[in-house]
Each structure stands twice: as structure tokens, then as C-alpha cells.
Amino acid sequence: MKVRTATALGALPLPGGERVGVRGFKAHRESVTPQPIPLPMGEGAERACGPSIAIERRLFISLLAAAAAWPRAARAQQPGKMPRIGFLGMASPATFATRMDALRLGLRDFGYIEGTNITIEYRWAQGQCERLPQLAAELFRSNVDLIVTHGTPGSLAAKGATTTIPIVIASIGDPVAVGIVTSVARPGGNVTGQSFFNPELRAKRIELLKEVMPRLTHVATILNADNPATGPEFEAMAATAQSLDLKLQPFRLRAASELVSAFESMEQARVQAVETGDDPLTVGNAGAIVGLAARGRLITIGPEEIAHAGGVIGYGADLVATWRRTAVFVDKILKGANPADLPIERAAKFQFVLNLKAAKALGLEVPTATLLRAGEVIE
């Protein structure tokens, strides 16, 4: 296999508000670094109340600040104490090996070495989302210093288990849409982390499919029936599909064992391409999905794992870079920061992998403009 790297990113989503080019859907709703919301009380209001009230107000605010600082000080690691991180994973260690290596590398950037000066307690759901609340409760009872998790089901389970232990989300589609936080700028509560605005990202994949196959009319998308994030994601994809005059057919699955029957139904429905999504259900079965799609001569698009497994296009956030950056949040919280004060960050790096070998096997003529925008080409 020959891999070459390109530099032109074209219309890929980039930080700082640049649009991703999704038709029929808002592409970038917030900036990467949201600005803090100004407090309603200013110096003028204080002066209007008179000196004595102003002094009392300042005293009251000082007491509030001291009270708020106490739990942060309590969370800060004491000298000689080894921090304990709880990790709540949706899939299996093998599926997320690359991302976990990136997290450990990020921790090393701050001097944390697993087994030497930091401990990580792992709980893996093995793709069974119904186990997540129980596993999150185990981490809560073990009294870890913070919990790292990912995805909507994992984040909801962690939030449901504790309101006191800080939670860092390594990656999630849209934490506001599913009610995990009320604002990315001020998450509040005990949750912070990183998002990659998955509804817009999955909608962009529909547009890319049309770009590489202009005669495309019928697309399938795989959704995890147990993941509430797929609701807004499908709405975004449907809006883009409608603007491109495409029929978008959802296939809602709960287990990998349903993949074979799903692809049989796709073939019967004369689907031409399939968008796989980013759920552990599909990422952990990328090879099987690509094989089933090849049998039906379907174009595949999903995260980079799909292209590396032999699919046509991999497009999504650079999750290796994202998971490495998770350590930034971990370090700040272990040093006493309040997760409520740490804005949810948007992914800053994206991957566009084009498997030209797979495209040629399907007889696809990839437009030169698309080829030039790919950050990685497999041929």
C-alpha cells in the first residue's frame, strides 16, 4: 500500500469559524474559543447603592469566592498523593488502543506516567451501552479524582453517576444538543472536555459522497439506536441530503450482529453508498463494514478508520490529536481548576483520507479538486 500526504485542505472545517461547506445546515455555530459572558453587575451599580452597601456586597462576594475556592483546593493533589483517574470506555481496549496511547502520551507531556505517578482505573462497556451506568457507578464508588469518558452514552452515564467528581469528555458530538451541558462557553457543573460538532461533520460526508459520485441518488447511514446523539446528527444529514436531491435511508442498529442483515437490506434497496458514523459500534467493526460494503459495491465514508480499513473516504476530527489534548483538562483539574470554568473546546484538527485504491476498484473517477483537498491519499 502506498500512502502520500497532501497539504491542501480546501473546504475542510477549520477552527476560528470557517465553514465546512455543508449545504442546508449551519456549519459552525460557535467559535473555537468562546468569549466569557460579562456579569450584569458593574462598578456603576455598586456606586449607586452607596458606600456601606458596596462594602457589604464586596464582603459577600469575597465569602462566595472563598466558598467556591474550597472545593477546588480540596481537589488539588496533595504532595505525595498519587492521582487516580477513572476511565469509562464505550467499546473495548483493542478498539481504542490508538486513542488511549494518545491520551497516555498527552499525560506524559505534563509529567504523568501511568503506574509511576498516576493510576488509571479502566471500565469498558465492550459496546454494550446498557452497562455504562453500572460501570460509571463503580468508578464513583472507587472515589477516583476525576473521570475521563467519551461519546454521548458514556458522558450521560458519567454525569448520571456523580455531580461531585470532575468529568472530562475526550470527544463528543454535541454536548449541548443532548443536555450534558447548557453552554460550551460555560459548561457549569462538573463536566468539561472537547466536542467535534458531529451533526455538521456527518452532513459534510453526505456532500462529499455526492462530490465523488455526481450520479448518486440513494445513501444509507448507520445509526446506533441506543445513542441519543444520532437524533440531531440524522436531522443534519437529512437537511443536506434534501438539498442535494438525495434519498437518505437510516439503518438503526444495536449490535454488530445486525450488520449483515442491514447490508443485505441496503443491497435490496439499491443503496449506492453508506455513511458509517463515528459510534464505537461502527468504528470497532470498520473492517467488517468495509467488507460487507465491498460485496454490494457500495461507496463507504466515515471516520479515518474506514478508509484505513479499505473504505473509500475517511473524514472527521483528528481524534488522536483530540485525545492527546484531553490531558490538558486532566492536568488543570488535578491542579485545582474547576471544570465548570473550563469551556468545552472544539476540535482543531481534521483528517480527510482518500483511499484511491478502493475508489478505483469501484470504478470511481475522483475529481481532481477532491483529490487535492485530501490530507492523505492511499493508492
Protein backbone atom coordinates (compact mmCIF):
# COMPACT_ATOMS: atom_id res chain seq x y z
CA MET A 1 0.00 0.00 0.00
CA LYS A 2 1.35 3.39 -0.96
CA VAL A 3 0.38 6.46 1.07
CA ARG A 4 1.11 10.01 0.11
CA THR A 5 0.28 13.16 2.01
CA ALA A 6 -1.20 16.31 0.55
CA THR A 7 -1.25 19.74 2.13
CA ALA A 8 -4.26 21.48 0.62
CA LEU A 9 -7.33 21.25 2.86
CA GLY A 10 -9.79 23.18 0.71
CA ALA A 11 -13.17 23.49 2.36
CA LEU A 12 -12.48 21.27 5.34
CA PRO A 13 -13.81 22.57 8.68
CA LEU A 14 -11.17 24.55 10.45
CA PRO A 15 -11.10 26.38 13.79
CA GLY A 16 -11.94 30.02 14.03
CA GLY A 17 -15.37 29.93 12.40
CA GLU A 18 -14.56 28.84 8.83
CA ARG A 19 -17.46 27.00 7.23
CA VAL A 20 -17.30 23.33 6.37
CA GLY A 21 -19.41 23.74 3.25
CA VAL A 22 -22.48 21.80 4.37
CA ARG A 23 -25.50 22.66 2.27
CA GLY A 24 -28.77 23.22 4.12
CA PHE A 25 -27.22 23.23 7.60
CA LYS A 26 -25.38 25.75 9.72
CA ALA A 27 -21.74 24.81 9.58
CA HIS A 28 -20.03 26.35 12.57
CA ARG A 29 -22.26 27.75 15.24
CA GLU A 30 -19.70 28.90 17.74
CA SER A 31 -16.08 29.93 17.75
CA VAL A 32 -13.43 27.54 18.95
CA THR A 33 -12.68 29.70 21.99
CA PRO A 34 -15.96 31.15 23.28
CA GLN A 35 -15.72 34.51 24.98
CA PRO A 36 -16.79 34.74 28.64
CA ILE A 37 -20.20 36.24 29.29
CA PRO A 38 -19.90 39.58 31.15
CA LEU A 39 -21.51 39.73 34.58
CA PRO A 40 -24.52 42.06 34.85
CA MET A 41 -23.17 43.94 37.88
CA GLY A 42 -20.61 46.68 37.22
CA GLU A 43 -18.95 49.40 39.23
CA GLY A 44 -21.75 51.82 38.42
CA ALA A 45 -24.32 49.59 40.08
CA GLU A 46 -22.12 49.33 43.15
CA ARG A 47 -21.75 53.11 43.46
CA ALA A 48 -25.48 53.66 43.07
CA CYS A 49 -26.17 51.60 46.19
CA GLY A 50 -23.98 53.73 48.46
CA PRO A 51 -20.67 53.01 50.20
CA SER A 52 -21.94 50.80 53.04
CA ILE A 53 -23.93 48.52 50.74
CA ALA A 54 -20.95 48.39 48.38
CA ILE A 55 -18.70 47.20 51.22
CA GLU A 56 -21.23 44.57 52.26
CA ARG A 57 -21.53 43.40 48.67
CA ARG A 58 -17.76 43.14 48.31
CA LEU A 59 -17.60 41.16 51.57
CA PHE A 60 -20.39 38.87 50.37
CA ILE A 61 -18.63 38.32 47.03
CA SER A 62 -15.37 37.58 48.86
CA LEU A 63 -17.12 34.97 51.01
CA LEU A 64 -18.63 33.41 47.90
CA ALA A 65 -15.23 33.31 46.24
CA ALA A 66 -13.72 31.66 49.29
CA ALA A 67 -16.50 29.07 49.36
CA ALA A 68 -16.05 28.39 45.65
CA ALA A 69 -12.29 28.06 46.06
CA TRP A 70 -12.60 25.46 48.83
CA PRO A 71 -13.67 22.51 46.67
CA ARG A 72 -11.03 23.43 44.08
CA ALA A 73 -8.38 23.42 46.79
CA ALA A 74 -9.71 20.12 48.07
CA ARG A 75 -9.42 18.62 44.57
CA ALA A 76 -5.86 19.84 44.06
CA GLN A 77 -3.43 16.98 44.53
CA GLN A 78 -1.55 16.96 47.80
CA PRO A 79 2.22 16.31 47.73
CA GLY A 80 2.96 12.60 47.82
CA LYS A 81 -0.54 11.52 46.81
CA MET A 82 -0.82 9.60 43.53
CA PRO A 83 -3.77 10.87 41.45
CA ARG A 84 -6.33 8.27 40.37
CA ILE A 85 -8.19 8.65 37.07
CA GLY A 86 -11.26 6.63 36.24
CA PHE A 87 -11.72 5.84 32.56
CA LEU A 88 -15.18 4.93 31.26
CA GLY A 89 -14.95 3.42 27.78
CA MET A 90 -17.83 2.56 25.47
CA ALA A 91 -16.00 -0.06 23.42
CA SER A 92 -13.00 -2.32 24.10
CA PRO A 93 -9.31 -1.68 24.84
CA ALA A 94 -8.35 -3.06 21.42
CA THR A 95 -10.76 -0.76 19.56
CA PHE A 96 -9.46 2.34 21.34
CA ALA A 97 -5.80 1.36 21.66
CA THR A 98 -4.56 4.20 19.42
CA ARG A 99 -6.64 6.82 21.21
CA MET A 100 -5.60 5.56 24.65
CA ASP A 101 -1.96 5.70 23.58
CA ALA A 102 -2.57 9.33 22.57
CA LEU A 103 -4.10 10.07 25.99
CA ARG A 104 -1.14 8.50 27.80
CA LEU A 105 1.25 10.47 25.60
CA GLY A 106 -0.61 13.65 26.49
CA LEU A 107 -0.35 12.83 30.19
CA ARG A 108 3.40 12.31 29.74
CA ASP A 109 3.58 15.83 28.31
CA PHE A 110 2.64 17.02 31.82
CA GLY A 111 4.87 14.54 33.64
CA TYR A 112 2.21 11.92 34.43
CA ILE A 113 3.35 8.33 33.80
CA GLU A 114 0.80 5.59 34.31
CA GLY A 115 1.85 3.22 37.09
CA THR A 116 4.59 5.58 38.30
CA ASN A 117 2.91 8.78 39.47
CA ILE A 118 -0.66 8.35 38.24
CA THR A 119 -3.15 5.47 38.29
CA ILE A 120 -5.88 4.82 35.73
CA GLU A 121 -8.81 2.56 36.60
CA TYR A 122 -10.50 1.24 33.46
CA ARG A 123 -14.11 0.27 32.90
CA TRP A 124 -15.02 -0.93 29.38
CA ALA A 125 -18.60 -1.47 28.23
CA GLN A 126 -17.47 -3.66 25.31
CA GLY A 127 -20.05 -1.98 23.06
CA GLN A 128 -22.93 -2.66 25.46
CA CYS A 129 -24.24 0.81 26.27
CA GLU A 130 -26.67 -0.55 28.86
CA ARG A 131 -23.66 -1.40 31.08
CA LEU A 132 -22.36 2.17 31.18
CA PRO A 133 -24.42 3.43 34.18
CA GLN A 134 -23.27 0.49 36.30
CA LEU A 135 -19.64 0.97 35.30
CA ALA A 136 -19.84 4.71 35.99
CA ALA A 137 -21.29 3.97 39.43
CA GLU A 138 -18.33 1.66 40.13
CA LEU A 139 -15.91 4.46 39.35
CA PHE A 140 -17.85 6.82 41.61
CA ARG A 141 -17.73 4.32 44.49
CA SER A 142 -14.00 3.84 43.98
CA ASN A 143 -13.59 7.56 44.73
CA VAL A 144 -11.35 8.43 41.79
CA ASP A 145 -10.11 12.01 41.46
CA LEU A 146 -11.73 12.51 38.06
CA ILE A 147 -13.42 10.52 35.29
CA VAL A 148 -12.41 10.57 31.63
CA THR A 149 -15.01 9.31 29.17
CA HIS A 150 -16.15 9.80 25.58
CA GLY A 151 -19.25 9.83 23.41
CA THR A 152 -22.80 10.74 24.37
CA PRO A 153 -23.77 7.47 26.14
CA GLY A 154 -20.55 7.43 28.17
CA SER A 155 -20.86 11.10 29.11
CA LEU A 156 -24.52 10.76 30.12
CA ALA A 157 -23.68 7.73 32.26
CA ALA A 158 -20.80 9.52 33.99
CA LYS A 159 -22.90 12.62 34.62
CA GLY A 160 -25.70 10.47 36.00
CA ALA A 161 -23.33 8.78 38.42
CA THR A 162 -21.82 11.87 40.05
CA THR A 163 -22.24 15.61 40.42
CA THR A 164 -19.08 16.00 42.51
CA ILE A 165 -16.27 14.12 40.74
CA PRO A 166 -14.96 16.14 37.76
CA ILE A 167 -15.70 14.61 34.34
CA VAL A 168 -13.51 15.21 31.27
CA ILE A 169 -15.02 14.24 27.91
CA ALA A 170 -12.29 13.26 25.47
CA SER A 171 -14.60 13.61 22.46
CA ILE A 172 -18.31 14.04 21.91
CA GLY A 173 -20.55 15.15 19.06
CA ASP A 174 -22.70 17.92 20.56
CA PRO A 175 -22.90 18.09 24.37
CA VAL A 176 -25.44 20.93 24.32
CA ALA A 177 -27.91 19.17 22.00
CA VAL A 178 -28.09 16.11 24.26
CA GLY A 179 -28.28 18.08 27.51
CA ILE A 180 -24.89 17.25 29.02
CA VAL A 181 -24.02 20.95 29.34
CA THR A 182 -26.10 24.06 28.79
CA SER A 183 -23.31 26.04 27.14
CA VAL A 184 -19.91 25.28 25.62
CA ALA A 185 -18.58 28.61 26.91
CA ARG A 186 -19.72 28.00 30.48
CA PRO A 187 -20.43 24.30 30.93
CA GLY A 188 -21.15 24.63 34.64
CA GLY A 189 -21.48 21.63 36.93
CA ASN A 190 -18.68 19.06 36.92
CA VAL A 191 -18.28 18.41 33.17
CA THR A 192 -15.87 19.80 30.58
CA GLY A 193 -13.92 18.47 27.60
CA GLN A 194 -13.95 18.53 23.80
CA SER A 195 -16.54 18.42 21.01
CA PHE A 196 -16.26 17.91 17.26
CA PHE A 197 -19.77 19.14 16.22
CA ASN A 198 -20.71 15.77 14.76
CA PRO A 199 -24.06 16.76 13.19
CA GLU A 200 -22.30 19.16 10.80
CA LEU A 201 -19.45 16.72 10.24
CA ARG A 202 -21.73 13.82 9.23
CA ALA A 203 -23.70 16.16 6.97
CA LYS A 204 -20.46 17.14 5.25
CA ARG A 205 -19.84 13.46 4.49
CA ILE A 206 -23.11 13.32 2.55
CA GLU A 207 -21.91 16.24 0.47
CA LEU A 208 -18.55 14.55 -0.16
CA LEU A 209 -20.31 11.41 -1.40
CA LYS A 210 -22.21 13.46 -3.97
CA GLU A 211 -18.96 15.15 -4.96
CA VAL A 212 -17.15 11.89 -5.76
CA MET A 213 -20.23 10.34 -7.41
CA PRO A 214 -22.37 13.05 -9.09
CA ARG A 215 -24.95 10.45 -10.21
CA LEU A 216 -25.56 9.39 -6.61
CA THR A 217 -29.27 9.22 -5.65
CA HIS A 218 -29.60 6.82 -2.68
CA VAL A 219 -27.47 6.84 0.50
CA ALA A 220 -27.68 4.75 3.66
CA THR A 221 -26.48 5.85 7.08
CA ILE A 222 -25.78 3.65 10.10
CA LEU A 223 -27.08 4.92 13.44
CA ASN A 224 -26.66 3.43 16.90
CA ALA A 225 -30.22 3.05 18.17
CA ASP A 226 -29.00 3.40 21.78
CA ASN A 227 -27.11 6.65 21.21
CA PRO A 228 -29.30 9.78 21.63
CA ALA A 229 -26.74 11.86 19.72
CA THR A 230 -27.89 10.28 16.46
CA GLY A 231 -31.12 12.31 16.54
CA PRO A 232 -29.59 15.73 15.74
CA GLU A 233 -26.97 14.03 13.57
CA PHE A 234 -29.58 12.46 11.31
CA GLU A 235 -31.51 15.74 11.09
CA ALA A 236 -28.37 17.49 9.84
CA MET A 237 -27.66 14.76 7.29
CA ALA A 238 -31.26 14.74 6.10
CA ALA A 239 -31.20 18.50 5.51
CA THR A 240 -28.07 18.20 3.38
CA ALA A 241 -29.41 15.16 1.52
CA GLN A 242 -32.61 17.02 0.66
CA SER A 243 -30.65 19.99 -0.69
CA LEU A 244 -28.72 17.58 -2.94
CA ASP A 245 -31.84 15.72 -4.07
CA LEU A 246 -30.67 12.52 -2.37
CA LYS A 247 -32.69 9.84 -0.63
CA LEU A 248 -31.20 9.18 2.82
CA GLN A 249 -32.18 5.89 4.44
CA PRO A 250 -31.32 5.28 8.12
CA PHE A 251 -30.36 1.87 9.47
CA ARG A 252 -30.63 1.83 13.27
CA LEU A 253 -28.62 -0.94 14.91
CA ARG A 254 -27.90 -2.01 18.49
CA ALA A 255 -25.24 -4.66 17.95
CA ALA A 256 -22.59 -5.70 15.46
CA SER A 257 -24.52 -8.90 14.86
CA GLU A 258 -27.12 -6.82 12.97
CA LEU A 259 -24.62 -5.55 10.37
CA VAL A 260 -25.02 -8.45 7.93
CA SER A 261 -28.80 -8.14 7.73
CA ALA A 262 -28.51 -4.34 7.49
CA PHE A 263 -26.23 -4.56 4.44
CA GLU A 264 -28.48 -7.18 2.86
CA SER A 265 -31.34 -4.69 3.21
CA MET A 266 -29.16 -1.96 1.68
CA GLU A 267 -28.48 -4.12 -1.36
CA GLN A 268 -32.16 -4.94 -1.75
CA ALA A 269 -32.99 -1.22 -1.53
CA ARG A 270 -30.36 -0.50 -4.24
CA VAL A 271 -28.39 1.81 -1.99
CA GLN A 272 -25.26 3.19 -3.70
CA ALA A 273 -23.26 4.47 -0.72
CA VAL A 274 -23.19 4.23 3.06
CA GLU A 275 -22.14 6.71 5.73
CA THR A 276 -20.99 4.77 8.79
CA GLY A 277 -20.99 7.30 11.62
CA ASP A 278 -18.41 7.56 14.41
CA ASP A 279 -20.01 5.38 17.08
CA PRO A 280 -17.86 2.64 18.67
CA LEU A 281 -20.36 0.19 17.20
CA THR A 282 -19.09 1.04 13.72
CA VAL A 283 -15.52 2.14 14.47
CA GLY A 284 -14.89 -1.14 16.26
CA ASN A 285 -16.21 -3.07 13.26
CA ALA A 286 -14.69 -0.98 10.45
CA GLY A 287 -13.17 -4.00 8.72
CA ALA A 288 -16.44 -5.93 8.70
CA ILE A 289 -18.36 -2.91 7.43
CA VAL A 290 -15.92 -2.29 4.59
CA GLY A 291 -16.06 -5.96 3.61
CA LEU A 292 -19.86 -6.01 3.56
CA ALA A 293 -19.95 -2.78 1.57
CA ALA A 294 -17.47 -4.13 -0.98
CA ARG A 295 -19.66 -7.19 -1.50
CA GLY A 296 -22.51 -4.90 -2.52
CA ARG A 297 -20.17 -2.47 -4.32
CA LEU A 298 -21.16 0.39 -2.03
CA ILE A 299 -19.08 3.52 -1.55
CA THR A 300 -18.15 3.89 2.12
CA ILE A 301 -17.47 7.07 4.05
CA GLY A 302 -16.88 7.51 7.77
CA PRO A 303 -14.04 8.38 10.15
CA GLU A 304 -10.44 7.74 9.10
CA GLU A 305 -10.63 4.15 10.36
CA ILE A 306 -12.99 3.38 7.47
CA ALA A 307 -10.51 4.50 4.80
CA HIS A 308 -7.63 2.72 6.51
CA ALA A 309 -9.73 -0.47 6.62
CA GLY A 310 -10.25 -0.32 2.84
CA GLY A 311 -13.22 2.03 2.52
CA VAL A 312 -13.24 4.96 0.09
CA ILE A 313 -13.26 8.07 2.30
CA GLY A 314 -12.30 8.79 5.88
CA TYR A 315 -13.37 12.23 7.04
CA GLY A 316 -13.59 13.53 10.58
CA ALA A 317 -11.87 15.08 13.55
CA ASP A 318 -8.29 14.07 14.24
CA LEU A 319 -9.19 12.04 17.31
CA VAL A 320 -5.59 11.12 18.08
CA ALA A 321 -4.76 14.81 18.50
CA THR A 322 -8.03 15.38 20.35
CA TRP A 323 -7.44 12.58 22.84
CA ARG A 324 -3.89 13.75 23.44
CA ARG A 325 -5.24 17.20 24.28
CA THR A 326 -7.58 15.64 26.85
CA ALA A 327 -4.57 15.60 29.16
CA VAL A 328 -4.66 19.42 29.24
CA PHE A 329 -8.02 19.28 31.04
CA VAL A 330 -6.85 16.46 33.33
CA ASP A 331 -3.77 18.41 34.38
CA LYS A 332 -5.70 21.61 35.08
CA ILE A 333 -8.28 19.81 37.21
CA LEU A 334 -5.68 17.84 39.16
CA LYS A 335 -4.04 21.18 39.93
CA GLY A 336 -7.28 22.57 41.32
CA ALA A 337 -9.22 24.03 38.37
CA ASN A 338 -12.99 23.85 38.46
CA PRO A 339 -14.41 22.03 35.40
CA ALA A 340 -17.34 24.45 35.42
CA ASP A 341 -14.88 27.21 34.49
CA LEU A 342 -13.22 25.31 31.62
CA PRO A 343 -15.05 25.90 28.30
CA ILE A 344 -15.81 22.95 26.06
CA GLU A 345 -13.28 23.14 23.24
CA ARG A 346 -14.00 22.46 19.58
CA ALA A 347 -11.77 20.06 17.68
CA ALA A 348 -9.00 21.98 15.94
CA LYS A 349 -7.61 19.30 13.59
CA PHE A 350 -9.41 17.24 10.96
CA GLN A 351 -8.49 14.29 8.76
CA PHE A 352 -9.52 13.76 5.13
CA VAL A 353 -8.24 10.36 3.99
CA LEU A 354 -8.95 9.23 0.42
CA ASN A 355 -8.42 5.56 -0.44
CA LEU A 356 -7.80 5.87 -4.16
CA LYS A 357 -7.23 2.13 -4.48
CA ALA A 358 -10.73 1.41 -3.12
CA ALA A 359 -12.23 4.12 -5.33
CA LYS A 360 -10.66 2.65 -8.47
CA ALA A 361 -11.93 -0.83 -7.55
CA LEU A 362 -15.46 0.62 -7.65
CA GLY A 363 -14.81 2.42 -10.93
CA LEU A 364 -14.98 5.87 -9.35
CA GLU A 365 -13.38 8.83 -11.10
CA VAL A 366 -12.40 11.04 -8.19
CA PRO A 367 -12.48 14.75 -9.17
CA THR A 368 -9.08 16.42 -9.11
CA ALA A 369 -10.34 19.10 -6.71
CA THR A 370 -11.36 16.42 -4.21
CA LEU A 371 -8.07 14.60 -4.62
CA LEU A 372 -6.09 17.76 -3.95
CA ARG A 373 -8.03 18.50 -0.75
CA ALA A 374 -7.25 15.10 0.77
CA GLY A 375 -4.70 15.24 3.56
CA GLU A 376 -3.80 11.59 2.98
CA VAL A 377 -4.16 9.51 -0.18
CA ILE A 378 -3.88 5.71 -0.18
CA GLU A 379 -3.08 4.28 -3.57
